[in-house]
Amino acid sequence: MSLRKYLEFVRFSHTVFALPFALASMVVAAGATRGWPGWRTFLLILAAMVCARTAAMGFNRIVDQKIDALNPRTAQRHLPVGSMTVTGAWSLVVGAAAGLVVATWLINPLCFRLSPVALLVVFFYSFTKRFTDFSHFFLGLALGIAPLGAWLAVRGQFDWPPCVLAAAVVFWLVGFDIIYATQDYEFDRSQGLHSLPARLGIARSLQMARAAHGVMMVLLLAFGLISHLRVPYYFGLATILVCLVAQHVLARKQDPVSLNAAFFRMNAVISAVFLGAVVVDVAMK
């Protein structure tokens, strides 16, 4: 099977969402060297993040294959249509999980010891839509550990800035995953699946998404303050706020084109702007 098929299977292009936050955390952690921890650490962080996301996405596709086959929006995914075998999917998941463990072993002992915890968190999300309306928070937690892991890779110890940034990523994910889940409102209710849109309806769930993104902005402001970031960072925050407003304006339209723009384009811009703002700020110090 071609590499392209595997990359499409795990939606590799979506790695751009959480990875910039992890790299931003790495840059702040390595601030004494203008944000550069060295090529070895950088490449190991990159490998660990890509492997963790690949394992998580592949596992989610395996667990949800029967649900995906029933949902018109997802029925054409690789497992339901047979363009990817379950054996091939499991091979990818196991290989990516092993890659994460090896990368963390090469980083430092703390990251290595925590790697099974990271895998447990990212795998557990796939089951949550079956029993809790707050599955969005578990997805947020799965991605929120990325900046925390990057900080530990550089400094080898916990600190407040990555914890605050991780919380910001959690609420960012909660907000845009609620928006994304509105597409499956009818399907989730018909199948007894859990989500905030299925429980609250689309209008109230979009209010929850706006509240989550409001909390995200407060946490990003706090991250800048406790990390002693300066003007470039806050210009970046202003841009992110504009993107969030645009995202929610698009979400209200509730048509597939607008929802995809709200989900993919706006989130890619938000994460890229955040990383750029942090890199410029740290480099200028």
Protein backbone atom coordinates (compact mmCIF):
# COMPACT_ATOMS: atom_id res chain seq x y z
CA MET A 1 0.00 0.00 0.00
CA SER A 2 1.33 3.45 -0.91
CA LEU A 3 2.59 5.98 1.62
CA ARG A 4 0.00 8.43 0.31
CA LYS A 5 -2.80 6.03 1.24
CA TYR A 6 -1.54 5.77 4.81
CA LEU A 7 -1.18 9.54 5.09
CA GLU A 8 -4.74 10.04 3.83
CA PHE A 9 -6.00 7.37 6.23
CA VAL A 10 -4.81 9.29 9.30
CA ARG A 11 -5.47 12.72 7.74
CA PHE A 12 -1.80 13.59 8.15
CA SER A 13 -2.42 17.15 6.94
CA HIS A 14 -4.36 17.81 10.16
CA THR A 15 -1.14 17.43 12.15
CA VAL A 16 -0.78 21.17 11.56
CA PHE A 17 -3.45 21.80 14.21
CA ALA A 18 -1.72 20.74 17.44
CA LEU A 19 1.92 20.54 16.34
CA PRO A 20 2.50 24.33 16.22
CA PHE A 21 1.39 24.62 19.86
CA ALA A 22 3.88 21.92 20.81
CA LEU A 23 6.64 23.68 18.90
CA ALA A 24 5.70 27.00 20.49
CA SER A 25 6.02 25.38 23.91
CA MET A 26 9.43 24.03 22.86
CA VAL A 27 10.53 27.52 21.78
CA VAL A 28 9.53 29.12 25.08
CA ALA A 29 11.15 26.30 27.07
CA ALA A 30 14.39 26.81 25.14
CA GLY A 31 14.18 30.60 25.45
CA ALA A 32 17.73 31.01 26.75
CA THR A 33 19.02 29.88 23.34
CA ARG A 34 16.57 32.07 21.38
CA GLY A 35 14.08 29.26 21.34
CA TRP A 36 16.25 26.64 19.65
CA PRO A 37 16.85 23.43 21.64
CA GLY A 38 19.15 21.89 19.04
CA TRP A 39 18.44 19.70 16.03
CA ARG A 40 18.40 16.44 17.98
CA THR A 41 15.76 17.56 20.46
CA PHE A 42 13.72 19.30 17.77
CA LEU A 43 13.62 16.24 15.52
CA LEU A 44 12.79 13.91 18.42
CA ILE A 45 9.92 16.18 19.51
CA LEU A 46 8.67 16.27 15.94
CA ALA A 47 8.88 12.48 15.66
CA ALA A 48 7.12 11.93 18.98
CA MET A 49 4.26 14.29 18.11
CA VAL A 50 3.73 12.83 14.64
CA CYS A 51 3.83 9.26 15.97
CA ALA A 52 1.39 10.03 18.80
CA ARG A 53 -1.13 11.65 16.47
CA THR A 54 -0.79 8.91 13.85
CA ALA A 55 -1.37 6.19 16.44
CA ALA A 56 -4.36 8.07 17.88
CA MET A 57 -6.01 8.73 14.52
CA GLY A 58 -5.43 5.20 13.26
CA PHE A 59 -6.88 3.74 16.45
CA ASN A 60 -9.90 6.03 16.17
CA ARG A 61 -10.55 4.88 12.60
CA ILE A 62 -10.42 1.23 13.71
CA VAL A 63 -12.70 1.70 16.70
CA ASP A 64 -15.21 3.78 14.72
CA GLN A 65 -15.23 1.80 11.47
CA LYS A 66 -18.79 0.44 11.95
CA ILE A 67 -20.12 3.86 12.94
CA ASP A 68 -18.32 5.48 10.00
CA ALA A 69 -19.91 2.99 7.63
CA LEU A 70 -23.39 4.08 8.76
CA ASN A 71 -22.75 7.82 8.62
CA PRO A 72 -23.19 9.32 5.11
CA ARG A 73 -20.49 11.91 5.91
CA THR A 74 -17.88 9.25 6.74
CA ALA A 75 -19.04 6.22 4.75
CA GLN A 76 -16.29 6.73 2.15
CA ARG A 77 -13.43 6.51 4.62
CA HIS A 78 -10.78 3.87 3.99
CA LEU A 79 -11.93 1.08 6.31
CA PRO A 80 -15.66 1.21 5.45
CA VAL A 81 -14.98 1.03 1.70
CA GLY A 82 -12.19 -1.54 2.03
CA SER A 83 -9.34 0.51 0.57
CA MET A 84 -7.46 -0.10 3.84
CA THR A 85 -7.48 -3.43 5.66
CA VAL A 86 -7.90 -3.67 9.42
CA THR A 87 -4.56 -5.49 9.56
CA GLY A 88 -2.90 -2.62 7.72
CA ALA A 89 -4.52 -0.10 10.06
CA TRP A 90 -3.37 -1.99 13.15
CA SER A 91 0.15 -2.24 11.74
CA LEU A 92 0.23 1.54 11.37
CA VAL A 93 -1.08 2.09 14.91
CA VAL A 94 1.39 -0.35 16.50
CA GLY A 95 4.29 1.05 14.49
CA ALA A 96 3.42 4.65 15.38
CA ALA A 97 2.98 3.80 19.07
CA ALA A 98 6.36 2.06 19.07
CA GLY A 99 7.85 5.09 17.34
CA LEU A 100 6.55 7.35 20.12
CA VAL A 101 8.05 5.12 22.81
CA VAL A 102 11.44 5.01 21.06
CA ALA A 103 11.47 8.78 20.50
CA THR A 104 10.68 9.49 24.16
CA TRP A 105 13.34 7.01 25.27
CA LEU A 106 15.86 9.01 23.27
CA ILE A 107 14.60 12.32 24.68
CA ASN A 108 14.84 11.79 28.45
CA PRO A 109 13.75 9.31 31.16
CA LEU A 110 10.72 11.35 32.27
CA CYS A 111 9.24 11.52 28.77
CA PHE A 112 9.88 7.79 28.34
CA ARG A 113 8.09 6.92 31.58
CA LEU A 114 5.13 9.10 30.61
CA SER A 115 4.80 7.74 27.06
CA PRO A 116 2.36 4.93 28.05
CA VAL A 117 0.21 7.53 29.80
CA ALA A 118 0.17 9.65 26.65
CA LEU A 119 -0.89 6.65 24.55
CA LEU A 120 -3.63 5.76 27.04
CA VAL A 121 -5.01 9.30 26.88
CA VAL A 122 -5.03 9.55 23.09
CA PHE A 123 -6.55 6.08 22.67
CA PHE A 124 -9.21 6.52 25.33
CA TYR A 125 -10.85 9.42 23.48
CA SER A 126 -12.11 7.08 20.75
CA PHE A 127 -14.51 5.41 23.20
CA THR A 128 -15.91 8.50 24.89
CA LYS A 129 -18.66 9.35 22.38
CA ARG A 130 -20.32 6.11 23.47
CA PHE A 131 -20.91 7.19 27.06
CA THR A 132 -20.40 10.93 27.66
CA ASP A 133 -21.64 14.18 26.12
CA PHE A 134 -18.26 15.70 27.02
CA SER A 135 -16.24 13.64 24.56
CA HIS A 136 -14.97 16.96 23.14
CA PHE A 137 -13.04 17.55 26.37
CA PHE A 138 -11.31 14.18 26.08
CA LEU A 139 -10.25 15.04 22.53
CA GLY A 140 -8.98 18.37 23.86
CA LEU A 141 -7.00 16.56 26.53
CA ALA A 142 -5.51 14.23 23.91
CA LEU A 143 -4.15 17.18 21.96
CA GLY A 144 -3.49 19.34 25.00
CA ILE A 145 -0.71 17.06 26.22
CA ALA A 146 1.36 17.99 23.14
CA PRO A 147 2.74 21.32 24.44
CA LEU A 148 3.30 19.77 27.86
CA GLY A 149 5.29 16.93 26.30
CA ALA A 150 7.39 19.35 24.25
CA TRP A 151 8.24 21.36 27.37
CA LEU A 152 9.28 18.20 29.23
CA ALA A 153 11.45 17.20 26.28
CA VAL A 154 13.43 20.43 26.58
CA ARG A 155 13.50 21.02 30.33
CA GLY A 156 12.78 17.61 31.83
CA GLN A 157 10.46 19.01 34.49
CA PHE A 158 6.95 20.35 34.90
CA ASP A 159 6.25 24.08 35.09
CA TRP A 160 3.27 26.43 34.93
CA PRO A 161 3.59 27.85 31.39
CA PRO A 162 3.11 24.52 29.56
CA CYS A 163 0.24 23.58 31.88
CA VAL A 164 -1.55 26.83 31.06
CA LEU A 165 -0.85 26.39 27.35
CA ALA A 166 -2.10 22.79 27.50
CA ALA A 167 -5.34 24.02 29.09
CA ALA A 168 -5.69 26.62 26.32
CA VAL A 169 -5.32 23.90 23.68
CA VAL A 170 -7.96 21.81 25.48
CA PHE A 171 -10.52 24.63 25.27
CA TRP A 172 -9.52 25.43 21.70
CA LEU A 173 -10.22 21.83 20.74
CA VAL A 174 -13.47 21.77 22.70
CA GLY A 175 -14.71 24.82 20.83
CA PHE A 176 -13.93 23.72 17.31
CA ASP A 177 -14.83 20.07 17.89
CA ILE A 178 -18.30 21.16 19.01
CA ILE A 179 -18.59 23.15 15.77
CA TYR A 180 -17.47 20.11 13.78
CA ALA A 181 -19.87 17.81 15.65
CA THR A 182 -22.88 19.89 14.59
CA GLN A 183 -22.56 18.19 11.20
CA ASP A 184 -23.50 14.87 12.82
CA TYR A 185 -26.32 16.19 15.01
CA GLU A 186 -29.06 14.08 13.42
CA PHE A 187 -26.87 11.00 12.97
CA ASP A 188 -25.56 11.01 16.53
CA ARG A 189 -29.06 11.29 17.97
CA SER A 190 -30.35 8.48 15.77
CA GLN A 191 -27.49 6.16 16.81
CA GLY A 192 -27.48 7.06 20.49
CA LEU A 193 -24.02 8.59 20.30
CA HIS A 194 -23.01 11.31 22.73
CA SER A 195 -21.94 14.89 22.01
CA LEU A 196 -22.94 18.32 23.20
CA PRO A 197 -24.81 19.11 19.95
CA ALA A 198 -26.75 15.84 20.31
CA ARG A 199 -27.65 16.73 23.89
CA LEU A 200 -28.15 20.50 23.71
CA GLY A 201 -29.06 21.14 20.08
CA ILE A 202 -27.05 23.15 17.60
CA ALA A 203 -27.80 26.67 18.85
CA ARG A 204 -26.92 26.00 22.50
CA SER A 205 -23.88 23.92 21.61
CA LEU A 206 -22.52 26.76 19.47
CA GLN A 207 -22.91 29.01 22.53
CA MET A 208 -20.79 26.48 24.45
CA ALA A 209 -18.20 26.59 21.66
CA ARG A 210 -17.99 30.38 21.92
CA ALA A 211 -17.59 30.13 25.70
CA ALA A 212 -14.81 27.55 25.28
CA HIS A 213 -12.94 29.82 22.90
CA GLY A 214 -13.38 32.70 25.31
CA VAL A 215 -11.67 30.63 28.00
CA MET A 216 -8.98 29.73 25.49
CA MET A 217 -8.18 33.40 24.87
CA VAL A 218 -7.94 34.11 28.60
CA LEU A 219 -5.54 31.18 29.02
CA LEU A 220 -3.41 32.29 26.06
CA LEU A 221 -3.20 35.74 27.61
CA ALA A 222 -2.13 34.15 30.91
CA PHE A 223 0.47 32.06 29.08
CA GLY A 224 1.97 35.19 27.56
CA LEU A 225 2.10 36.95 30.93
CA ILE A 226 3.72 34.14 32.91
CA SER A 227 6.15 33.42 30.05
CA HIS A 228 7.14 37.12 29.91
CA LEU A 229 6.25 37.43 26.23
CA ARG A 230 5.97 40.87 24.69
CA VAL A 231 4.35 42.89 21.92
CA PRO A 232 4.74 40.42 18.98
CA TYR A 233 2.93 37.75 20.97
CA TYR A 234 -0.02 40.00 21.75
CA PHE A 235 -0.30 41.05 18.12
CA GLY A 236 -0.57 37.36 17.38
CA LEU A 237 -3.31 36.98 20.00
CA ALA A 238 -5.27 39.80 18.39
CA THR A 239 -5.06 38.01 15.03
CA ILE A 240 -6.20 34.76 16.65
CA LEU A 241 -9.19 36.53 18.15
CA VAL A 242 -10.21 37.79 14.70
CA CYS A 243 -9.88 34.24 13.34
CA LEU A 244 -12.06 32.86 16.14
CA VAL A 245 -14.77 35.43 15.44
CA ALA A 246 -14.65 34.51 11.74
CA GLN A 247 -14.83 30.83 12.67
CA HIS A 248 -18.02 31.32 14.64
CA VAL A 249 -19.59 33.48 11.95
CA LEU A 250 -18.97 30.66 9.46
CA ALA A 251 -20.26 28.05 11.91
CA ARG A 252 -23.62 29.79 12.17
CA LYS A 253 -24.27 29.23 8.46
CA GLN A 254 -24.41 25.46 9.01
CA ASP A 255 -23.61 24.52 5.43
CA PRO A 256 -20.80 22.04 4.59
CA VAL A 257 -18.61 24.58 2.80
CA SER A 258 -18.76 27.07 5.68
CA LEU A 259 -18.22 24.37 8.32
CA ASN A 260 -15.18 23.02 6.52
CA ALA A 261 -13.75 26.53 6.20
CA ALA A 262 -14.42 27.14 9.90
CA PHE A 263 -12.78 23.88 10.86
CA PHE A 264 -9.81 23.47 8.52
CA ARG A 265 -8.76 26.91 7.31
CA MET A 266 -9.34 28.91 10.46
CA ASN A 267 -7.69 26.34 12.73
CA ALA A 268 -4.67 26.07 10.47
CA VAL A 269 -4.30 29.86 10.51
CA ILE A 270 -4.76 30.06 14.30
CA SER A 271 -2.07 27.48 15.05
CA ALA A 272 0.36 28.95 12.50
CA VAL A 273 -0.14 32.50 13.81
CA PHE A 274 0.40 31.34 17.38
CA LEU A 275 3.67 29.62 16.54
CA GLY A 276 4.86 32.55 14.46
CA ALA A 277 4.07 35.05 17.21
CA VAL A 278 5.93 33.02 19.83
CA VAL A 279 8.98 32.46 17.60
CA VAL A 280 9.27 36.15 16.69
CA ASP A 281 8.81 37.22 20.32
CA VAL A 282 11.40 34.81 21.74
CA ALA A 283 13.89 35.48 18.91
CA MET A 284 13.71 39.24 19.55
CA LYS A 285 14.58 38.97 23.23
